[in-house]
Amino acid sequence: MNKQELIERYKTKYAEEPKDWKHPSVNASRQDLFANFIRDLKQLDEPQKPVVPKFVAEWIEQAKKERQSLYEAMYNIESSTYYHKYDNATYQWMFEGALHDEHQELFAEAYMHGYEVEKEPLYEVIIGDLYLIKKFNNRNDFCFDTSCSLCAWEKSAYQLTEAEIKAIDERYWPFAVPVEEEAER
């Protein structure tokens, strides 16, 4: 049961309590008790799911699809015969570098409790006053358009990942400008 389900359960339970108690003072104190309890529940911090890179998330999904245990998933990353089937970025992330201990713990937590995928940074390619536009999601067809015409395009057409830009043409990468994230409302 998560925090929101618990809050709703107690709100529902409180709503079902009889309103015509013999002692009004008891009713008022019970109302205060429930109100304070619900207020305290809302202030609880729920543990955040770990955030992992996309390639780690793909590895976890593949391991779960193959019904591997956590031990098998971690062992297969380290196994030189197994990890060559995939990109070895997961191996490097897990076993090389100063943060390898934290990455292994993060992997285990993500495998057992779920995870969120790290958002890839987005870029706009601006050459002069023209923006690089990717016309279709699954293809590398592109064009250039002025900033005045950007409203005619979805943001995903001109806010691209590094891999998308380089797939179109690596020569556009030096013109990439990071997109600042909009504040959540």
N, C-alpha and C. Protein backbone atom coordinates (compact mmCIF):
# COMPACT_ATOMS: atom_id res chain seq x y z
N MET A 1 0.86 -1.17 0.00
CA MET A 1 0.00 0.00 0.00
C MET A 1 0.90 1.23 0.00
N ASN A 2 0.61 2.16 -0.90
CA ASN A 2 1.41 3.38 -0.92
C ASN A 2 0.74 4.45 -0.06
N LYS A 3 1.42 5.57 0.05
CA LYS A 3 0.95 6.65 0.93
C LYS A 3 -0.43 7.14 0.53
N GLN A 4 -0.67 7.36 -0.75
CA GLN A 4 -1.95 7.90 -1.21
C GLN A 4 -3.09 6.92 -0.93
N GLU A 5 -2.86 5.63 -1.11
CA GLU A 5 -3.89 4.63 -0.81
C GLU A 5 -4.24 4.65 0.67
N LEU A 6 -3.23 4.81 1.53
CA LEU A 6 -3.47 4.87 2.97
C LEU A 6 -4.28 6.11 3.33
N ILE A 7 -3.96 7.23 2.74
CA ILE A 7 -4.72 8.47 3.00
C ILE A 7 -6.18 8.27 2.59
N GLU A 8 -6.40 7.74 1.39
CA GLU A 8 -7.77 7.53 0.92
C GLU A 8 -8.52 6.54 1.80
N ARG A 9 -7.83 5.52 2.26
CA ARG A 9 -8.46 4.53 3.14
C ARG A 9 -8.97 5.18 4.42
N TYR A 10 -8.15 6.05 5.02
CA TYR A 10 -8.57 6.69 6.26
C TYR A 10 -9.62 7.76 6.02
N LYS A 11 -9.54 8.45 4.89
CA LYS A 11 -10.60 9.42 4.57
C LYS A 11 -11.93 8.69 4.43
N THR A 12 -11.91 7.56 3.74
CA THR A 12 -13.13 6.77 3.54
C THR A 12 -13.63 6.24 4.87
N LYS A 13 -12.75 5.74 5.69
CA LYS A 13 -13.14 5.20 7.00
C LYS A 13 -13.75 6.30 7.85
N TYR A 14 -13.13 7.47 7.82
CA TYR A 14 -13.65 8.59 8.60
C TYR A 14 -15.02 9.01 8.09
N ALA A 15 -15.20 9.00 6.78
CA ALA A 15 -16.49 9.39 6.20
C ALA A 15 -17.59 8.43 6.60
N GLU A 16 -17.25 7.16 6.87
CA GLU A 16 -18.25 6.17 7.24
C GLU A 16 -18.59 6.19 8.73
N GLU A 17 -17.84 6.93 9.55
CA GLU A 17 -18.11 6.98 10.98
C GLU A 17 -19.45 7.66 11.23
N PRO A 18 -20.23 7.17 12.21
CA PRO A 18 -21.52 7.79 12.51
C PRO A 18 -21.36 9.20 13.03
N LYS A 19 -22.24 10.09 12.58
CA LYS A 19 -22.16 11.50 12.96
C LYS A 19 -22.97 11.80 14.24
N ASP A 20 -23.84 10.89 14.65
CA ASP A 20 -24.72 11.17 15.79
C ASP A 20 -24.25 10.44 17.05
N TRP A 21 -23.06 10.72 17.50
CA TRP A 21 -22.52 10.11 18.70
C TRP A 21 -23.23 10.72 19.91
N LYS A 22 -23.27 9.98 21.00
CA LYS A 22 -23.94 10.47 22.21
C LYS A 22 -23.17 11.61 22.84
N HIS A 23 -21.86 11.61 22.72
CA HIS A 23 -21.03 12.65 23.33
C HIS A 23 -20.35 13.48 22.24
N PRO A 24 -20.85 14.68 21.99
CA PRO A 24 -20.26 15.51 20.93
C PRO A 24 -18.77 15.78 21.13
N SER A 25 -18.33 15.84 22.39
CA SER A 25 -16.91 16.13 22.62
C SER A 25 -16.03 14.98 22.10
N VAL A 26 -16.51 13.75 22.20
CA VAL A 26 -15.77 12.61 21.69
C VAL A 26 -15.70 12.70 20.16
N ASN A 27 -16.80 13.07 19.54
CA ASN A 27 -16.86 13.20 18.08
C ASN A 27 -15.84 14.25 17.61
N ALA A 28 -15.78 15.38 18.29
CA ALA A 28 -14.86 16.45 17.90
C ALA A 28 -13.41 15.98 18.06
N SER A 29 -13.14 15.28 19.14
CA SER A 29 -11.75 14.83 19.33
C SER A 29 -11.39 13.78 18.29
N ARG A 30 -12.35 12.94 17.91
CA ARG A 30 -12.09 11.93 16.88
C ARG A 30 -11.85 12.62 15.53
N GLN A 31 -12.61 13.66 15.25
CA GLN A 31 -12.39 14.42 14.01
C GLN A 31 -10.99 15.02 14.00
N ASP A 32 -10.57 15.58 15.12
CA ASP A 32 -9.23 16.15 15.21
C ASP A 32 -8.16 15.08 15.03
N LEU A 33 -8.40 13.91 15.64
CA LEU A 33 -7.45 12.81 15.51
C LEU A 33 -7.26 12.42 14.05
N PHE A 34 -8.37 12.22 13.34
CA PHE A 34 -8.29 11.84 11.93
C PHE A 34 -7.66 12.95 11.09
N ALA A 35 -8.05 14.19 11.35
CA ALA A 35 -7.50 15.31 10.58
C ALA A 35 -5.99 15.40 10.79
N ASN A 36 -5.53 15.25 12.02
CA ASN A 36 -4.09 15.30 12.31
C ASN A 36 -3.36 14.11 11.69
N PHE A 37 -3.99 12.94 11.74
CA PHE A 37 -3.38 11.76 11.17
C PHE A 37 -3.20 11.91 9.66
N ILE A 38 -4.25 12.37 8.97
CA ILE A 38 -4.17 12.56 7.52
C ILE A 38 -3.13 13.63 7.18
N ARG A 39 -3.08 14.72 7.96
CA ARG A 39 -2.08 15.76 7.73
C ARG A 39 -0.67 15.19 7.87
N ASP A 40 -0.44 14.35 8.90
CA ASP A 40 0.87 13.74 9.09
C ASP A 40 1.22 12.77 7.97
N LEU A 41 0.22 12.01 7.50
CA LEU A 41 0.47 11.09 6.39
C LEU A 41 0.92 11.85 5.15
N LYS A 42 0.31 12.97 4.89
CA LYS A 42 0.66 13.75 3.70
C LYS A 42 2.09 14.29 3.77
N GLN A 43 2.62 14.43 4.97
CA GLN A 43 3.97 14.96 5.13
C GLN A 43 5.05 13.87 5.05
N LEU A 44 4.63 12.61 5.03
CA LEU A 44 5.60 11.52 4.93
C LEU A 44 6.35 11.61 3.61
N ASP A 45 7.60 11.28 3.65
CA ASP A 45 8.39 11.22 2.42
C ASP A 45 8.35 9.80 1.88
N GLU A 46 7.91 9.67 0.64
CA GLU A 46 7.97 8.36 0.00
C GLU A 46 9.36 8.19 -0.59
N PRO A 47 9.92 7.01 -0.47
CA PRO A 47 11.25 6.81 -1.06
C PRO A 47 11.19 7.00 -2.57
N GLN A 48 12.18 7.69 -3.09
CA GLN A 48 12.25 7.93 -4.53
C GLN A 48 12.87 6.72 -5.21
N LYS A 49 12.37 6.41 -6.38
CA LYS A 49 12.96 5.32 -7.16
C LYS A 49 14.32 5.78 -7.67
N PRO A 50 15.27 4.87 -7.73
CA PRO A 50 16.59 5.26 -8.24
C PRO A 50 16.51 5.65 -9.72
N VAL A 51 17.35 6.57 -10.11
CA VAL A 51 17.42 7.03 -11.50
C VAL A 51 18.65 6.40 -12.13
N VAL A 52 18.44 5.68 -13.24
CA VAL A 52 19.54 4.99 -13.92
C VAL A 52 19.58 5.42 -15.38
N PRO A 53 20.76 5.31 -16.00
CA PRO A 53 20.86 5.61 -17.43
C PRO A 53 20.01 4.65 -18.25
N LYS A 54 19.68 5.06 -19.46
CA LYS A 54 18.83 4.26 -20.34
C LYS A 54 19.42 2.88 -20.60
N PHE A 55 20.73 2.79 -20.82
CA PHE A 55 21.34 1.50 -21.14
C PHE A 55 21.25 0.54 -19.95
N VAL A 56 21.28 1.05 -18.73
CA VAL A 56 21.11 0.20 -17.55
C VAL A 56 19.67 -0.28 -17.46
N ALA A 57 18.72 0.62 -17.73
CA ALA A 57 17.31 0.24 -17.72
C ALA A 57 17.04 -0.86 -18.75
N GLU A 58 17.65 -0.74 -19.92
CA GLU A 58 17.48 -1.76 -20.96
C GLU A 58 18.05 -3.10 -20.49
N TRP A 59 19.20 -3.05 -19.80
CA TRP A 59 19.81 -4.29 -19.29
C TRP A 59 18.87 -4.93 -18.27
N ILE A 60 18.33 -4.14 -17.36
CA ILE A 60 17.43 -4.67 -16.32
C ILE A 60 16.21 -5.30 -16.97
N GLU A 61 15.63 -4.63 -17.96
CA GLU A 61 14.44 -5.17 -18.63
C GLU A 61 14.77 -6.48 -19.34
N GLN A 62 15.92 -6.55 -19.99
CA GLN A 62 16.33 -7.78 -20.67
C GLN A 62 16.53 -8.90 -19.66
N ALA A 63 17.18 -8.60 -18.55
CA ALA A 63 17.43 -9.62 -17.52
C ALA A 63 16.11 -10.13 -16.93
N LYS A 64 15.18 -9.22 -16.69
CA LYS A 64 13.89 -9.65 -16.13
C LYS A 64 13.10 -10.46 -17.16
N LYS A 65 13.20 -10.06 -18.41
CA LYS A 65 12.53 -10.81 -19.47
C LYS A 65 13.06 -12.24 -19.53
N GLU A 66 14.35 -12.39 -19.31
CA GLU A 66 14.97 -13.71 -19.31
C GLU A 66 14.86 -14.41 -17.95
N ARG A 67 14.13 -13.78 -17.01
CA ARG A 67 13.89 -14.33 -15.67
C ARG A 67 15.19 -14.58 -14.90
N GLN A 68 16.13 -13.67 -15.05
CA GLN A 68 17.39 -13.78 -14.32
C GLN A 68 17.20 -13.24 -12.90
N SER A 69 17.86 -13.85 -11.95
CA SER A 69 17.88 -13.31 -10.60
C SER A 69 18.79 -12.08 -10.60
N LEU A 70 18.76 -11.34 -9.51
CA LEU A 70 19.65 -10.18 -9.38
C LEU A 70 21.10 -10.62 -9.51
N TYR A 71 21.44 -11.71 -8.85
CA TYR A 71 22.81 -12.24 -8.93
C TYR A 71 23.18 -12.54 -10.38
N GLU A 72 22.30 -13.23 -11.10
CA GLU A 72 22.59 -13.59 -12.49
C GLU A 72 22.74 -12.35 -13.36
N ALA A 73 21.86 -11.36 -13.13
CA ALA A 73 21.93 -10.13 -13.93
C ALA A 73 23.26 -9.43 -13.73
N MET A 74 23.70 -9.34 -12.47
CA MET A 74 24.98 -8.68 -12.20
C MET A 74 26.16 -9.53 -12.69
N TYR A 75 26.08 -10.82 -12.49
CA TYR A 75 27.16 -11.70 -12.94
C TYR A 75 27.29 -11.65 -14.46
N ASN A 76 26.17 -11.64 -15.17
CA ASN A 76 26.20 -11.63 -16.64
C ASN A 76 26.76 -10.33 -17.19
N ILE A 77 26.62 -9.24 -16.45
CA ILE A 77 27.25 -7.99 -16.89
C ILE A 77 28.77 -8.14 -16.81
N GLU A 78 29.22 -8.77 -15.73
CA GLU A 78 30.65 -8.91 -15.52
C GLU A 78 31.26 -10.00 -16.40
N SER A 79 30.45 -10.97 -16.78
CA SER A 79 30.93 -12.08 -17.59
C SER A 79 31.33 -11.59 -18.98
N SER A 80 32.56 -11.82 -19.34
CA SER A 80 33.04 -11.29 -20.62
C SER A 80 32.33 -11.92 -21.81
N THR A 81 31.86 -13.14 -21.68
CA THR A 81 31.20 -13.78 -22.82
C THR A 81 29.79 -13.25 -23.00
N TYR A 82 29.16 -12.81 -21.94
CA TYR A 82 27.76 -12.40 -22.04
C TYR A 82 27.63 -10.93 -22.43
N TYR A 83 28.41 -10.06 -21.81
CA TYR A 83 28.17 -8.64 -22.04
C TYR A 83 28.56 -8.19 -23.44
N HIS A 84 29.35 -8.97 -24.16
CA HIS A 84 29.69 -8.59 -25.53
C HIS A 84 28.50 -8.66 -26.47
N LYS A 85 27.43 -9.38 -26.07
CA LYS A 85 26.23 -9.42 -26.90
C LYS A 85 25.57 -8.04 -26.93
N TYR A 86 25.82 -7.24 -25.91
CA TYR A 86 25.20 -5.93 -25.79
C TYR A 86 26.30 -4.87 -25.82
N ASP A 87 25.89 -3.65 -25.67
CA ASP A 87 26.85 -2.56 -25.56
C ASP A 87 27.57 -2.70 -24.22
N ASN A 88 28.87 -2.54 -24.17
CA ASN A 88 29.57 -2.72 -22.91
C ASN A 88 29.51 -1.49 -22.02
N ALA A 89 28.68 -0.51 -22.33
CA ALA A 89 28.53 0.66 -21.48
C ALA A 89 28.04 0.28 -20.09
N THR A 90 27.19 -0.74 -20.01
CA THR A 90 26.68 -1.18 -18.72
C THR A 90 27.82 -1.76 -17.89
N TYR A 91 28.70 -2.53 -18.52
CA TYR A 91 29.86 -3.08 -17.81
C TYR A 91 30.73 -1.95 -17.26
N GLN A 92 31.03 -0.97 -18.09
CA GLN A 92 31.86 0.14 -17.65
C GLN A 92 31.20 0.91 -16.51
N TRP A 93 29.89 1.14 -16.61
CA TRP A 93 29.15 1.86 -15.58
C TRP A 93 29.19 1.10 -14.25
N MET A 94 29.06 -0.23 -14.31
CA MET A 94 28.97 -1.05 -13.10
C MET A 94 30.32 -1.35 -12.46
N PHE A 95 31.35 -1.55 -13.24
CA PHE A 95 32.58 -2.11 -12.69
C PHE A 95 33.83 -1.26 -12.87
N GLU A 96 33.73 -0.14 -13.55
CA GLU A 96 34.92 0.69 -13.75
C GLU A 96 34.65 2.09 -13.21
N GLY A 97 35.68 2.76 -12.82
CA GLY A 97 35.55 4.14 -12.35
C GLY A 97 35.36 4.24 -10.85
N ALA A 98 35.44 5.46 -10.36
CA ALA A 98 35.40 5.73 -8.92
C ALA A 98 34.04 5.42 -8.30
N LEU A 99 32.97 5.49 -9.07
CA LEU A 99 31.63 5.30 -8.51
C LEU A 99 31.09 3.89 -8.68
N HIS A 100 31.94 2.91 -9.00
CA HIS A 100 31.43 1.58 -9.31
C HIS A 100 30.69 0.94 -8.13
N ASP A 101 31.12 1.19 -6.88
CA ASP A 101 30.41 0.62 -5.73
C ASP A 101 28.99 1.19 -5.63
N GLU A 102 28.87 2.52 -5.79
CA GLU A 102 27.54 3.14 -5.74
C GLU A 102 26.67 2.68 -6.90
N HIS A 103 27.28 2.50 -8.06
CA HIS A 103 26.51 2.05 -9.23
C HIS A 103 26.00 0.63 -9.04
N GLN A 104 26.79 -0.23 -8.41
CA GLN A 104 26.33 -1.59 -8.16
C GLN A 104 25.16 -1.60 -7.19
N GLU A 105 25.22 -0.77 -6.14
CA GLU A 105 24.11 -0.68 -5.20
C GLU A 105 22.87 -0.10 -5.90
N LEU A 106 23.08 0.90 -6.72
CA LEU A 106 21.97 1.51 -7.47
C LEU A 106 21.33 0.50 -8.40
N PHE A 107 22.15 -0.30 -9.07
CA PHE A 107 21.64 -1.34 -9.96
C PHE A 107 20.78 -2.32 -9.18
N ALA A 108 21.28 -2.77 -8.03
CA ALA A 108 20.54 -3.75 -7.22
C ALA A 108 19.21 -3.16 -6.75
N GLU A 109 19.24 -1.93 -6.29
CA GLU A 109 18.01 -1.28 -5.83
C GLU A 109 17.02 -1.11 -6.98
N ALA A 110 17.52 -0.71 -8.14
CA ALA A 110 16.66 -0.53 -9.31
C ALA A 110 16.07 -1.87 -9.76
N TYR A 111 16.86 -2.91 -9.71
CA TYR A 111 16.40 -4.24 -10.12
C TYR A 111 15.30 -4.73 -9.19
N MET A 112 15.47 -4.50 -7.89
CA MET A 112 14.52 -5.03 -6.90
C MET A 112 13.28 -4.16 -6.74
N HIS A 113 13.43 -2.84 -6.77
CA HIS A 113 12.33 -1.95 -6.40
C HIS A 113 11.80 -1.06 -7.53
N GLY A 114 12.36 -1.19 -8.72
CA GLY A 114 11.94 -0.34 -9.82
C GLY A 114 12.86 0.87 -9.95
N TYR A 115 12.68 1.62 -11.02
CA TYR A 115 13.60 2.71 -11.32
C TYR A 115 12.91 3.73 -12.22
N GLU A 116 13.57 4.84 -12.38
CA GLU A 116 13.19 5.83 -13.37
C GLU A 116 14.39 5.99 -14.30
N VAL A 117 14.11 6.22 -15.56
CA VAL A 117 15.19 6.36 -16.54
C VAL A 117 15.66 7.82 -16.56
N GLU A 118 16.96 7.98 -16.52
CA GLU A 118 17.57 9.29 -16.56
C GLU A 118 17.19 10.00 -17.86
N LYS A 119 16.75 11.23 -17.74
CA LYS A 119 16.39 11.98 -18.95
C LYS A 119 17.66 12.38 -19.69
N GLU A 120 17.64 12.10 -20.99
CA GLU A 120 18.77 12.53 -21.81
C GLU A 120 18.67 14.03 -22.05
N PRO A 121 19.79 14.73 -22.01
CA PRO A 121 19.73 16.16 -22.30
C PRO A 121 19.31 16.41 -23.75
N LEU A 122 18.56 17.47 -23.95
CA LEU A 122 18.09 17.83 -25.29
C LEU A 122 18.85 19.05 -25.79
N TYR A 123 18.98 19.11 -27.10
CA TYR A 123 19.71 20.19 -27.74
C TYR A 123 18.93 20.72 -28.93
N GLU A 124 19.18 21.97 -29.25
CA GLU A 124 18.67 22.56 -30.49
C GLU A 124 19.89 22.91 -31.33
N VAL A 125 19.83 22.58 -32.61
CA VAL A 125 20.92 22.91 -33.52
C VAL A 125 20.51 24.18 -34.24
N ILE A 126 21.29 25.25 -33.98
CA ILE A 126 20.97 26.56 -34.55
C ILE A 126 22.18 27.00 -35.38
N ILE A 127 21.93 27.20 -36.66
CA ILE A 127 22.97 27.69 -37.56
C ILE A 127 22.45 28.98 -38.15
N GLY A 128 23.10 30.10 -37.76
CA GLY A 128 22.57 31.41 -38.13
C GLY A 128 21.26 31.60 -37.38
N ASP A 129 20.17 31.82 -38.11
CA ASP A 129 18.85 31.87 -37.45
C ASP A 129 17.97 30.73 -37.97
N LEU A 130 18.58 29.64 -38.38
CA LEU A 130 17.84 28.47 -38.83
C LEU A 130 18.00 27.32 -37.83
N TYR A 131 16.90 26.61 -37.60
CA TYR A 131 16.88 25.48 -36.67
C TYR A 131 16.83 24.18 -37.46
N LEU A 132 17.61 23.19 -37.00
CA LEU A 132 17.56 21.85 -37.57
C LEU A 132 16.27 21.18 -37.11
N ILE A 133 15.49 20.66 -38.06
CA ILE A 133 14.21 20.01 -37.78
C ILE A 133 14.29 18.57 -38.26
N LYS A 134 13.99 17.64 -37.37
CA LYS A 134 13.89 16.22 -37.75
C LYS A 134 12.44 15.98 -38.14
N LYS A 135 12.21 15.64 -39.41
CA LYS A 135 10.85 15.55 -39.92
C LYS A 135 10.05 14.36 -39.39
N PHE A 136 10.69 13.21 -39.23
CA PHE A 136 9.99 11.99 -38.83
C PHE A 136 10.74 11.34 -37.67
N ASN A 137 10.00 10.71 -36.76
CA ASN A 137 10.63 10.09 -35.59
C ASN A 137 11.55 8.93 -35.95
N ASN A 138 11.15 8.08 -36.86
CA ASN A 138 11.91 6.87 -37.13
C ASN A 138 12.87 6.98 -38.31
N ARG A 139 13.01 8.18 -38.83
CA ARG A 139 13.91 8.38 -39.96
C ARG A 139 14.78 9.58 -39.69
N ASN A 140 15.81 9.73 -40.50
CA ASN A 140 16.72 10.87 -40.33
C ASN A 140 16.49 11.95 -41.38
N ASP A 141 15.28 12.07 -41.89
CA ASP A 141 14.95 13.16 -42.81
C ASP A 141 14.92 14.45 -42.01
N PHE A 142 15.50 15.50 -42.58
CA PHE A 142 15.56 16.75 -41.84
C PHE A 142 15.44 17.93 -42.78
N CYS A 143 15.22 19.08 -42.18
CA CYS A 143 15.21 20.34 -42.93
C CYS A 143 15.65 21.44 -41.96
N PHE A 144 15.76 22.65 -42.45
CA PHE A 144 16.04 23.80 -41.60
C PHE A 144 14.86 24.75 -41.71
N ASP A 145 14.53 25.39 -40.59
CA ASP A 145 13.40 26.32 -40.56
C ASP A 145 13.75 27.48 -39.65
N THR A 146 13.07 28.60 -39.85
CA THR A 146 13.33 29.78 -39.03
C THR A 146 12.64 29.65 -37.68
N SER A 147 13.09 30.45 -36.73
CA SER A 147 12.50 30.39 -35.38
C SER A 147 11.03 30.83 -35.42
N CYS A 148 10.67 31.65 -36.40
CA CYS A 148 9.28 32.10 -36.53
C CYS A 148 8.35 30.93 -36.84
N SER A 149 8.86 29.92 -37.52
CA SER A 149 8.04 28.78 -37.93
C SER A 149 8.07 27.62 -36.94
N LEU A 150 8.80 27.73 -35.84
CA LEU A 150 8.93 26.61 -34.90
C LEU A 150 7.60 26.20 -34.30
N CYS A 151 6.67 27.14 -34.17
CA CYS A 151 5.37 26.81 -33.57
C CYS A 151 4.60 25.79 -34.42
N ALA A 152 4.97 25.64 -35.67
CA ALA A 152 4.31 24.66 -36.54
C ALA A 152 4.83 23.24 -36.29
N TRP A 153 5.91 23.12 -35.53
CA TRP A 153 6.53 21.82 -35.29
C TRP A 153 6.36 21.42 -33.82
N GLU A 154 6.31 20.12 -33.57
CA GLU A 154 6.35 19.62 -32.19
C GLU A 154 7.76 19.88 -31.65
N LYS A 155 7.86 20.07 -30.34
CA LYS A 155 9.18 20.30 -29.75
C LYS A 155 10.13 19.15 -30.04
N SER A 156 9.60 17.93 -30.10
CA SER A 156 10.45 16.76 -30.34
C SER A 156 11.08 16.79 -31.73
N ALA A 157 10.60 17.65 -32.61
CA ALA A 157 11.17 17.74 -33.96
C ALA A 157 12.45 18.58 -33.97
N TYR A 158 12.57 19.54 -33.06
CA TYR A 158 13.76 20.38 -33.07
C TYR A 158 14.54 20.34 -31.75
N GLN A 159 14.00 19.70 -30.72
CA GLN A 159 14.75 19.46 -29.49
C GLN A 159 15.18 18.01 -29.51
N LEU A 160 16.45 17.79 -29.81
CA LEU A 160 16.95 16.45 -30.12
C LEU A 160 18.04 16.01 -29.13
N THR A 161 18.21 14.70 -29.02
CA THR A 161 19.31 14.17 -28.20
C THR A 161 20.59 14.21 -29.02
N GLU A 162 21.70 14.02 -28.34
CA GLU A 162 22.99 13.99 -29.03
C GLU A 162 23.01 12.89 -30.09
N ALA A 163 22.48 11.72 -29.75
CA ALA A 163 22.48 10.60 -30.69
C ALA A 163 21.65 10.92 -31.93
N GLU A 164 20.51 11.59 -31.76
CA GLU A 164 19.66 11.94 -32.90
C GLU A 164 20.38 12.92 -33.82
N ILE A 165 21.04 13.90 -33.22
CA ILE A 165 21.76 14.90 -34.03
C ILE A 165 22.89 14.23 -34.82
N LYS A 166 23.65 13.40 -34.12
CA LYS A 166 24.78 12.74 -34.79
C LYS A 166 24.31 11.73 -35.83
N ALA A 167 23.13 11.16 -35.64
CA ALA A 167 22.60 10.22 -36.64
C ALA A 167 22.23 10.96 -37.93
N ILE A 168 21.78 12.20 -37.80
CA ILE A 168 21.47 13.00 -38.99
C ILE A 168 22.77 13.36 -39.70
N ASP A 169 23.70 13.97 -38.95
CA ASP A 169 25.00 14.31 -39.50
C ASP A 169 25.87 14.81 -38.36
N GLU A 170 26.99 14.17 -38.13
CA GLU A 170 27.86 14.53 -37.01
C GLU A 170 28.38 15.96 -37.11
N ARG A 171 28.40 16.51 -38.29
CA ARG A 171 28.91 17.88 -38.47
C ARG A 171 28.00 18.92 -37.83
N TYR A 172 26.74 18.55 -37.50
CA TYR A 172 25.83 19.49 -36.85
C TYR A 172 26.05 19.57 -35.34
N TRP A 173 26.74 18.59 -34.77
CA TRP A 173 26.91 18.54 -33.32
C TRP A 173 27.58 19.81 -32.75
N PRO A 174 28.61 20.39 -33.39
CA PRO A 174 29.22 21.60 -32.82
C PRO A 174 28.25 22.79 -32.71
N PHE A 175 27.15 22.76 -33.43
CA PHE A 175 26.18 23.84 -33.40
C PHE A 175 25.06 23.60 -32.39
N ALA A 176 25.14 22.49 -31.67
CA ALA A 176 24.08 22.13 -30.71
C ALA A 176 24.15 23.02 -29.48
N VAL A 177 22.98 23.49 -29.07
CA VAL A 177 22.85 24.33 -27.89
C VAL A 177 21.93 23.62 -26.91
N PRO A 178 22.36 23.44 -25.64
CA PRO A 178 21.49 22.75 -24.68
C PRO A 178 20.16 23.47 -24.48
N VAL A 179 19.10 22.70 -24.36
CA VAL A 179 17.77 23.24 -24.10
C VAL A 179 17.62 23.34 -22.59
N GLU A 180 17.23 24.50 -22.11
CA GLU A 180 16.99 24.65 -20.68
C GLU A 180 15.63 24.06 -20.35
N GLU A 181 15.57 23.29 -19.25
CA GLU A 181 14.32 22.67 -18.86
C GLU A 181 13.35 23.72 -18.37
N GLU A 182 12.09 23.55 -18.76
CA GLU A 182 11.05 24.44 -18.29
C GLU A 182 10.73 24.10 -16.85
N ALA A 183 10.43 25.11 -16.05
CA ALA A 183 10.09 24.86 -14.65
C ALA A 183 8.77 24.12 -14.58
N GLU A 184 8.69 23.13 -13.65
CA GLU A 184 7.44 22.38 -13.48
C GLU A 184 6.40 23.28 -12.86
N ARG A 185 5.20 23.12 -13.35
CA ARG A 185 4.11 23.98 -12.85
C ARG A 185 3.19 23.21 -11.97
